[in-house]
Amino acid sequence: MTGEIQGGQGLIILLVGLIGIAIALWALVDAVSRPAAAFAAANSSKTLWIALIIVLSLVTGIIGIGVSIVYLVSIRPRVKAVMG
C-alpha cells in the first residue's frame, strides 16, 4: 500500500511530532512567564521570542521547533541568570 504509514513508522512519526509540540509549548510557556525587564537586561526581546515561537511553530513546524530549542538553550539561561 503506497502512501500509508504503518506500524513502527507511524508510531515514530507520532512521537517526533508530539515531542516537537512539547518543546514549542515549553519554550512558549517559559517565555510568557518571564518578565519583559529580564529579557531587556539580557539584551533580548520578550515580544520577539514569543512571536517567533508562535508564528514559526504554526507556519513551518520544524523551523519553529528549531527556534524553540534556540530559545531554551541560549536565551532562557541568560534571562534566568538576570532574574537571579
PDB file of N, CA and C in Angstrom:
ATOM      1  N   MET A   1       0.840  -1.175   0.000  1.00  0.00           N
ATOM      2  CA  MET A   1       0.000   0.000   0.000  1.00  0.00           C
ATOM      3  C   MET A   1       0.890   1.245   0.000  1.00  0.00           C
ATOM      4  N   THR A   2       0.872   1.967  -1.043  1.00  0.00           N
ATOM      5  CA  THR A   2       1.704   3.156  -1.132  1.00  0.00           C
ATOM      6  C   THR A   2       1.037   4.319  -0.423  1.00  0.00           C
ATOM      7  N   GLY A   3       1.867   5.146   0.185  1.00  0.00           N
ATOM      8  CA  GLY A   3       1.362   6.339   0.840  1.00  0.00           C
ATOM      9  C   GLY A   3       0.857   6.142   2.249  1.00  0.00           C
ATOM     10  N   GLU A   4       0.887   4.929   2.754  1.00  0.00           N
ATOM     11  CA  GLU A   4       0.411   4.678   4.110  1.00  0.00           C
ATOM     12  C   GLU A   4       1.588   4.473   5.049  1.00  0.00           C
ATOM     13  N   ILE A   5       1.424   4.955   6.237  1.00  0.00           N
ATOM     14  CA  ILE A   5       2.429   4.759   7.283  1.00  0.00           C
ATOM     15  C   ILE A   5       1.860   3.751   8.255  1.00  0.00           C
ATOM     16  N   GLN A   6       2.581   2.658   8.422  1.00  0.00           N
ATOM     17  CA  GLN A   6       2.052   1.591   9.253  1.00  0.00           C
ATOM     18  C   GLN A   6       3.050   1.200  10.332  1.00  0.00           C
ATOM     19  N   GLY A   7       2.517   0.622  11.382  1.00  0.00           N
ATOM     20  CA  GLY A   7       3.339   0.010  12.422  1.00  0.00           C
ATOM     21  C   GLY A   7       4.274   0.975  13.108  1.00  0.00           C
ATOM     22  N   GLY A   8       5.520   0.544  13.196  1.00  0.00           N
ATOM     23  CA  GLY A   8       6.535   1.300  13.922  1.00  0.00           C
ATOM     24  C   GLY A   8       6.816   2.666  13.338  1.00  0.00           C
ATOM     25  N   GLN A   9       6.746   2.784  12.015  1.00  0.00           N
ATOM     26  CA  GLN A   9       6.998   4.086  11.387  1.00  0.00           C
ATOM     27  C   GLN A   9       5.970   5.126  11.828  1.00  0.00           C
ATOM     28  N   GLY A  10       4.733   4.726  11.865  1.00  0.00           N
ATOM     29  CA  GLY A  10       3.680   5.649  12.288  1.00  0.00           C
ATOM     30  C   GLY A  10       3.860   6.092  13.723  1.00  0.00           C
ATOM     31  N   LEU A  11       4.270   5.161  14.572  1.00  0.00           N
ATOM     32  CA  LEU A  11       4.497   5.480  15.980  1.00  0.00           C
ATOM     33  C   LEU A  11       5.666   6.442  16.144  1.00  0.00           C
ATOM     34  N   ILE A  12       6.720   6.227  15.382  1.00  0.00           N
ATOM     35  CA  ILE A  12       7.896   7.117  15.448  1.00  0.00           C
ATOM     36  C   ILE A  12       7.521   8.521  14.996  1.00  0.00           C
ATOM     37  N   ILE A  13       6.785   8.618  13.910  1.00  0.00           N
ATOM     38  CA  ILE A  13       6.367   9.934  13.408  1.00  0.00           C
ATOM     39  C   ILE A  13       5.478  10.635  14.432  1.00  0.00           C
ATOM     40  N   LEU A  14       4.572   9.892  15.032  1.00  0.00           N
ATOM     41  CA  LEU A  14       3.701  10.453  16.069  1.00  0.00           C
ATOM     42  C   LEU A  14       4.517  10.954  17.259  1.00  0.00           C
ATOM     43  N   LEU A  15       5.470  10.169  17.720  1.00  0.00           N
ATOM     44  CA  LEU A  15       6.300  10.568  18.867  1.00  0.00           C
ATOM     45  C   LEU A  15       7.140  11.798  18.551  1.00  0.00           C
ATOM     46  N   VAL A  16       7.732  11.844  17.372  1.00  0.00           N
ATOM     47  CA  VAL A  16       8.536  13.010  16.985  1.00  0.00           C
ATOM     48  C   VAL A  16       7.657  14.259  16.941  1.00  0.00           C
ATOM     49  N   GLY A  17       6.463  14.128  16.393  1.00  0.00           N
ATOM     50  CA  GLY A  17       5.540  15.265  16.354  1.00  0.00           C
ATOM     51  C   GLY A  17       5.137  15.739  17.736  1.00  0.00           C
ATOM     52  N   LEU A  18       4.830  14.795  18.614  1.00  0.00           N
ATOM     53  CA  LEU A  18       4.438  15.166  19.982  1.00  0.00           C
ATOM     54  C   LEU A  18       5.593  15.795  20.746  1.00  0.00           C
ATOM     55  N   ILE A  19       6.793  15.285  20.551  1.00  0.00           N
ATOM     56  CA  ILE A  19       7.972  15.871  21.211  1.00  0.00           C
ATOM     57  C   ILE A  19       8.195  17.289  20.701  1.00  0.00           C
ATOM     58  N   GLY A  20       8.030  17.505  19.402  1.00  0.00           N
ATOM     59  CA  GLY A  20       8.172  18.846  18.834  1.00  0.00           C
ATOM     60  C   GLY A  20       7.163  19.821  19.405  1.00  0.00           C
ATOM     61  N   ILE A  21       5.927  19.381  19.522  1.00  0.00           N
ATOM     62  CA  ILE A  21       4.881  20.234  20.110  1.00  0.00           C
ATOM     63  C   ILE A  21       5.201  20.542  21.567  1.00  0.00           C
ATOM     64  N   ALA A  22       5.667  19.532  22.303  1.00  0.00           N
ATOM     65  CA  ALA A  22       6.003  19.731  23.721  1.00  0.00           C
ATOM     66  C   ALA A  22       7.138  20.737  23.881  1.00  0.00           C
ATOM     67  N   ILE A  23       8.150  20.661  23.029  1.00  0.00           N
ATOM     68  CA  ILE A  23       9.275  21.602  23.105  1.00  0.00           C
ATOM     69  C   ILE A  23       8.797  23.024  22.824  1.00  0.00           C
ATOM     70  N   ALA A  24       7.980  23.194  21.788  1.00  0.00           N
ATOM     71  CA  ALA A  24       7.469  24.532  21.449  1.00  0.00           C
ATOM     72  C   ALA A  24       6.598  25.086  22.573  1.00  0.00           C
ATOM     73  N   LEU A  25       5.757  24.245  23.157  1.00  0.00           N
ATOM     74  CA  LEU A  25       4.911  24.701  24.272  1.00  0.00           C
ATOM     75  C   LEU A  25       5.742  25.059  25.495  1.00  0.00           C
ATOM     76  N   TRP A  26       6.756  24.261  25.791  1.00  0.00           N
ATOM     77  CA  TRP A  26       7.644  24.552  26.916  1.00  0.00           C
ATOM     78  C   TRP A  26       8.312  25.911  26.718  1.00  0.00           C
ATOM     79  N   ALA A  27       8.851  26.143  25.529  1.00  0.00           N
ATOM     80  CA  ALA A  27       9.514  27.419  25.248  1.00  0.00           C
ATOM     81  C   ALA A  27       8.524  28.578  25.347  1.00  0.00           C
ATOM     82  N   LEU A  28       7.330  28.392  24.812  1.00  0.00           N
ATOM     83  CA  LEU A  28       6.328  29.453  24.838  1.00  0.00           C
ATOM     84  C   LEU A  28       5.888  29.779  26.266  1.00  0.00           C
ATOM     85  N   VAL A  29       5.576  28.771  27.048  1.00  0.00           N
ATOM     86  CA  VAL A  29       5.152  28.984  28.440  1.00  0.00           C
ATOM     87  C   VAL A  29       6.273  29.648  29.240  1.00  0.00           C
ATOM     88  N   ASP A  30       7.499  29.215  29.015  1.00  0.00           N
ATOM     89  CA  ASP A  30       8.625  29.815  29.733  1.00  0.00           C
ATOM     90  C   ASP A  30       8.793  31.285  29.358  1.00  0.00           C
ATOM     91  N   ALA A  31       8.734  31.586  28.064  1.00  0.00           N
ATOM     92  CA  ALA A  31       8.908  32.974  27.624  1.00  0.00           C
ATOM     93  C   ALA A  31       7.800  33.873  28.153  1.00  0.00           C
ATOM     94  N   VAL A  32       6.578  33.368  28.153  1.00  0.00           N
ATOM     95  CA  VAL A  32       5.446  34.163  28.652  1.00  0.00           C
ATOM     96  C   VAL A  32       5.578  34.419  30.150  1.00  0.00           C
ATOM     97  N   SER A  33       6.116  33.452  30.878  1.00  0.00           N
ATOM     98  CA  SER A  33       6.172  33.568  32.340  1.00  0.00           C
ATOM     99  C   SER A  33       7.306  34.454  32.848  1.00  0.00           C
ATOM    100  N   ARG A  34       8.259  34.773  31.998  1.00  0.00           N
ATOM    101  CA  ARG A  34       9.386  35.615  32.428  1.00  0.00           C
ATOM    102  C   ARG A  34       9.059  37.090  32.197  1.00  0.00           C
ATOM    103  N   PRO A  35       9.506  37.972  33.101  1.00  0.00           N
ATOM    104  CA  PRO A  35       9.207  39.404  32.935  1.00  0.00           C
ATOM    105  C   PRO A  35       9.975  40.020  31.759  1.00  0.00           C
ATOM    106  N   ALA A  36       9.349  40.979  31.112  1.00  0.00           N
ATOM    107  CA  ALA A  36       9.974  41.658  29.972  1.00  0.00           C
ATOM    108  C   ALA A  36      11.264  42.357  30.374  1.00  0.00           C
ATOM    109  N   ALA A  37      11.327  42.852  31.601  1.00  0.00           N
ATOM    110  CA  ALA A  37      12.541  43.538  32.073  1.00  0.00           C
ATOM    111  C   ALA A  37      13.737  42.597  32.102  1.00  0.00           C
ATOM    112  N   ALA A  38      13.502  41.330  32.419  1.00  0.00           N
ATOM    113  CA  ALA A  38      14.596  40.351  32.436  1.00  0.00           C
ATOM    114  C   ALA A  38      15.119  40.105  31.020  1.00  0.00           C
ATOM    115  N   PHE A  39      14.214  40.080  30.051  1.00  0.00           N
ATOM    116  CA  PHE A  39      14.646  39.940  28.655  1.00  0.00           C
ATOM    117  C   PHE A  39      15.469  41.150  28.239  1.00  0.00           C
ATOM    118  N   ALA A  40      15.004  42.339  28.599  1.00  0.00           N
ATOM    119  CA  ALA A  40      15.724  43.566  28.243  1.00  0.00           C
ATOM    120  C   ALA A  40      17.106  43.588  28.875  1.00  0.00           C
ATOM    121  N   ALA A  41      17.208  43.166  30.127  1.00  0.00           N
ATOM    122  CA  ALA A  41      18.505  43.129  30.808  1.00  0.00           C
ATOM    123  C   ALA A  41      19.429  42.094  30.173  1.00  0.00           C
ATOM    124  N   ALA A  42      18.867  41.079  29.538  1.00  0.00           N
ATOM    125  CA  ALA A  42      19.665  40.054  28.859  1.00  0.00           C
ATOM    126  C   ALA A  42      19.864  40.396  27.384  1.00  0.00           C
ATOM    127  N   ASN A  43      19.592  41.638  27.010  1.00  0.00           N
ATOM    128  CA  ASN A  43      19.740  42.110  25.626  1.00  0.00           C
ATOM    129  C   ASN A  43      18.900  41.299  24.639  1.00  0.00           C
ATOM    130  N   SER A  44      17.656  41.095  24.981  1.00  0.00           N
ATOM    131  CA  SER A  44      16.748  40.355  24.114  1.00  0.00           C
ATOM    132  C   SER A  44      15.358  40.975  24.209  1.00  0.00           C
ATOM    133  N   SER A  45      14.412  40.429  23.462  1.00  0.00           N
ATOM    134  CA  SER A  45      13.058  40.969  23.436  1.00  0.00           C
ATOM    135  C   SER A  45      12.046  39.855  23.696  1.00  0.00           C
ATOM    136  N   LYS A  46      11.267  40.026  24.738  1.00  0.00           N
ATOM    137  CA  LYS A  46      10.241  39.043  25.083  1.00  0.00           C
ATOM    138  C   LYS A  46       9.222  38.914  23.953  1.00  0.00           C
ATOM    139  N   THR A  47       8.752  40.039  23.451  1.00  0.00           N
ATOM    140  CA  THR A  47       7.751  40.028  22.386  1.00  0.00           C
ATOM    141  C   THR A  47       8.265  39.318  21.138  1.00  0.00           C
ATOM    142  N   LEU A  48       9.509  39.583  20.776  1.00  0.00           N
ATOM    143  CA  LEU A  48      10.099  38.951  19.596  1.00  0.00           C
ATOM    144  C   LEU A  48      10.139  37.434  19.745  1.00  0.00           C
ATOM    145  N   TRP A  49      10.600  36.948  20.889  1.00  0.00           N
ATOM    146  CA  TRP A  49      10.717  35.497  21.075  1.00  0.00           C
ATOM    147  C   TRP A  49       9.362  34.817  21.121  1.00  0.00           C
ATOM    148  N   ILE A  50       8.401  35.438  21.768  1.00  0.00           N
ATOM    149  CA  ILE A  50       7.058  34.847  21.800  1.00  0.00           C
ATOM    150  C   ILE A  50       6.481  34.796  20.384  1.00  0.00           C
ATOM    151  N   ALA A  51       6.632  35.882  19.630  1.00  0.00           N
ATOM    152  CA  ALA A  51       6.118  35.914  18.257  1.00  0.00           C
ATOM    153  C   ALA A  51       6.823  34.880  17.379  1.00  0.00           C
ATOM    154  N   LEU A  52       8.141  34.780  17.494  1.00  0.00           N
ATOM    155  CA  LEU A  52       8.886  33.805  16.693  1.00  0.00           C
ATOM    156  C   LEU A  52       8.435  32.379  16.992  1.00  0.00           C
ATOM    157  N   ILE A  53       8.319  32.066  18.263  1.00  0.00           N
ATOM    158  CA  ILE A  53       7.926  30.703  18.649  1.00  0.00           C
ATOM    159  C   ILE A  53       6.530  30.373  18.117  1.00  0.00           C
ATOM    160  N   ILE A  54       5.588  31.280  18.303  1.00  0.00           N
ATOM    161  CA  ILE A  54       4.207  31.013  17.870  1.00  0.00           C
ATOM    162  C   ILE A  54       4.111  30.933  16.347  1.00  0.00           C
ATOM    163  N   VAL A  55       4.571  31.969  15.665  1.00  0.00           N
ATOM    164  CA  VAL A  55       4.392  32.051  14.212  1.00  0.00           C
ATOM    165  C   VAL A  55       5.145  30.934  13.503  1.00  0.00           C
ATOM    166  N   LEU A  56       6.405  30.736  13.843  1.00  0.00           N
ATOM    167  CA  LEU A  56       7.172  29.722  13.125  1.00  0.00           C
ATOM    168  C   LEU A  56       6.728  28.307  13.466  1.00  0.00           C
ATOM    169  N   SER A  57       6.250  28.080  14.666  1.00  0.00           N
ATOM    170  CA  SER A  57       5.729  26.753  15.011  1.00  0.00           C
ATOM    171  C   SER A  57       4.456  26.450  14.231  1.00  0.00           C
ATOM    172  N   LEU A  58       3.601  27.441  14.076  1.00  0.00           N
ATOM    173  CA  LEU A  58       2.343  27.229  13.356  1.00  0.00           C
ATOM    174  C   LEU A  58       2.539  27.174  11.846  1.00  0.00           C
ATOM    175  N   VAL A  59       3.426  28.015  11.320  1.00  0.00           N
ATOM    176  CA  VAL A  59       3.572  28.125   9.874  1.00  0.00           C
ATOM    177  C   VAL A  59       4.526  27.080   9.302  1.00  0.00           C
ATOM    178  N   THR A  60       5.666  26.861   9.969  1.00  0.00           N
ATOM    179  CA  THR A  60       6.687  25.994   9.379  1.00  0.00           C
ATOM    180  C   THR A  60       6.891  24.683  10.129  1.00  0.00           C
ATOM    181  N   GLY A  61       6.478  24.606  11.354  1.00  0.00           N
ATOM    182  CA  GLY A  61       6.654  23.376  12.128  1.00  0.00           C
ATOM    183  C   GLY A  61       8.081  23.158  12.563  1.00  0.00           C
ATOM    184  N   ILE A  62       8.898  22.579  11.708  1.00  0.00           N
ATOM    185  CA  ILE A  62      10.248  22.187  12.091  1.00  0.00           C
ATOM    186  C   ILE A  62      11.133  23.395  12.403  1.00  0.00           C
ATOM    187  N   ILE A  63      10.975  24.485  11.681  1.00  0.00           N
ATOM    188  CA  ILE A  63      11.761  25.687  11.975  1.00  0.00           C
ATOM    189  C   ILE A  63      11.319  26.272  13.315  1.00  0.00           C
ATOM    190  N   GLY A  64      10.032  26.206  13.592  1.00  0.00           N
ATOM    191  CA  GLY A  64       9.524  26.662  14.889  1.00  0.00           C
ATOM    192  C   GLY A  64      10.101  25.855  16.040  1.00  0.00           C
ATOM    193  N   ILE A  65      10.246  24.560  15.833  1.00  0.00           N
ATOM    194  CA  ILE A  65      10.866  23.711  16.858  1.00  0.00           C
ATOM    195  C   ILE A  65      12.324  24.113  17.038  1.00  0.00           C
ATOM    196  N   GLY A  66      13.000  24.394  15.923  1.00  0.00           N
ATOM    197  CA  GLY A  66      14.393  24.840  15.999  1.00  0.00           C
ATOM    198  C   GLY A  66      14.537  26.145  16.759  1.00  0.00           C
ATOM    199  N   VAL A  67      13.639  27.089  16.499  1.00  0.00           N
ATOM    200  CA  VAL A  67      13.656  28.372  17.208  1.00  0.00           C
ATOM    201  C   VAL A  67      13.372  28.155  18.691  1.00  0.00           C
ATOM    202  N   SER A  68      12.453  27.252  18.988  1.00  0.00           N
ATOM    203  CA  SER A  68      12.144  26.939  20.388  1.00  0.00           C
ATOM    204  C   SER A  68      13.363  26.374  21.102  1.00  0.00           C
ATOM    205  N   ILE A  69      14.092  25.508  20.427  1.00  0.00           N
ATOM    206  CA  ILE A  69      15.311  24.931  21.019  1.00  0.00           C
ATOM    207  C   ILE A  69      16.359  26.015  21.226  1.00  0.00           C
ATOM    208  N   VAL A  70      16.511  26.912  20.249  1.00  0.00           N
ATOM    209  CA  VAL A  70      17.459  28.033  20.407  1.00  0.00           C
ATOM    210  C   VAL A  70      17.076  28.866  21.624  1.00  0.00           C
ATOM    211  N   TYR A  71      15.785  29.157  21.781  1.00  0.00           N
ATOM    212  CA  TYR A  71      15.335  29.918  22.951  1.00  0.00           C
ATOM    213  C   TYR A  71      15.701  29.189  24.246  1.00  0.00           C
ATOM    214  N   LEU A  72      15.369  27.903  24.318  1.00  0.00           N
ATOM    215  CA  LEU A  72      15.591  27.144  25.551  1.00  0.00           C
ATOM    216  C   LEU A  72      17.072  26.980  25.885  1.00  0.00           C
ATOM    217  N   VAL A  73      17.915  26.875  24.868  1.00  0.00           N
ATOM    218  CA  VAL A  73      19.337  26.621  25.098  1.00  0.00           C
ATOM    219  C   VAL A  73      20.136  27.917  25.257  1.00  0.00           C
ATOM    220  N   SER A  74      19.743  28.954  24.545  1.00  0.00           N
ATOM    221  CA  SER A  74      20.553  30.175  24.518  1.00  0.00           C
ATOM    222  C   SER A  74      19.937  31.341  25.296  1.00  0.00           C
ATOM    223  N   ILE A  75      18.692  31.649  25.030  1.00  0.00           N
ATOM    224  CA  ILE A  75      18.073  32.846  25.613  1.00  0.00           C
ATOM    225  C   ILE A  75      17.596  32.593  27.040  1.00  0.00           C
ATOM    226  N   ARG A  76      16.934  31.475  27.260  1.00  0.00           N
ATOM    227  CA  ARG A  76      16.388  31.164  28.590  1.00  0.00           C
ATOM    228  C   ARG A  76      17.447  31.237  29.691  1.00  0.00           C
ATOM    229  N   PRO A  77      18.634  30.625  29.516  1.00  0.00           N
ATOM    230  CA  PRO A  77      19.638  30.725  30.580  1.00  0.00           C
ATOM    231  C   PRO A  77      20.088  32.156  30.866  1.00  0.00           C
ATOM    232  N   ARG A  78      20.182  32.991  29.824  1.00  0.00           N
ATOM    233  CA  ARG A  78      20.575  34.386  30.039  1.00  0.00           C
ATOM    234  C   ARG A  78      19.498  35.143  30.809  1.00  0.00           C
ATOM    235  N   VAL A  79      18.239  34.939  30.429  1.00  0.00           N
ATOM    236  CA  VAL A  79      17.139  35.610  31.127  1.00  0.00           C
ATOM    237  C   VAL A  79      17.049  35.111  32.557  1.00  0.00           C
ATOM    238  N   LYS A  80      17.211  33.818  32.750  1.00  0.00           N
ATOM    239  CA  LYS A  80      17.147  33.227  34.090  1.00  0.00           C
ATOM    240  C   LYS A  80      18.280  33.762  34.979  1.00  0.00           C
ATOM    241  N   ALA A  81      19.470  33.933  34.393  1.00  0.00           N
ATOM    242  CA  ALA A  81      20.609  34.452  35.155  1.00  0.00           C
ATOM    243  C   ALA A  81      20.363  35.886  35.612  1.00  0.00           C
ATOM    244  N   VAL A  82      19.733  36.668  34.767  1.00  0.00           N
ATOM    245  CA  VAL A  82      19.422  38.063  35.107  1.00  0.00           C
ATOM    246  C   VAL A  82      18.429  38.113  36.252  1.00  0.00           C
ATOM    247  N   MET A  83      17.482  37.158  36.260  1.00  0.00           N
ATOM    248  CA  MET A  83      16.456  37.124  37.298  1.00  0.00           C
ATOM    249  C   MET A  83      17.027  36.708  38.651  1.00  0.00           C
ATOM    250  N   GLY A  84      18.183  36.048  38.655  1.00  0.00           N
ATOM    251  CA  GLY A  84      18.816  35.654  39.912  1.00  0.00           C
ATOM    252  C   GLY A  84      18.505  34.328  40.402  1.00  0.00           C
TER     253      GLY A  84
END
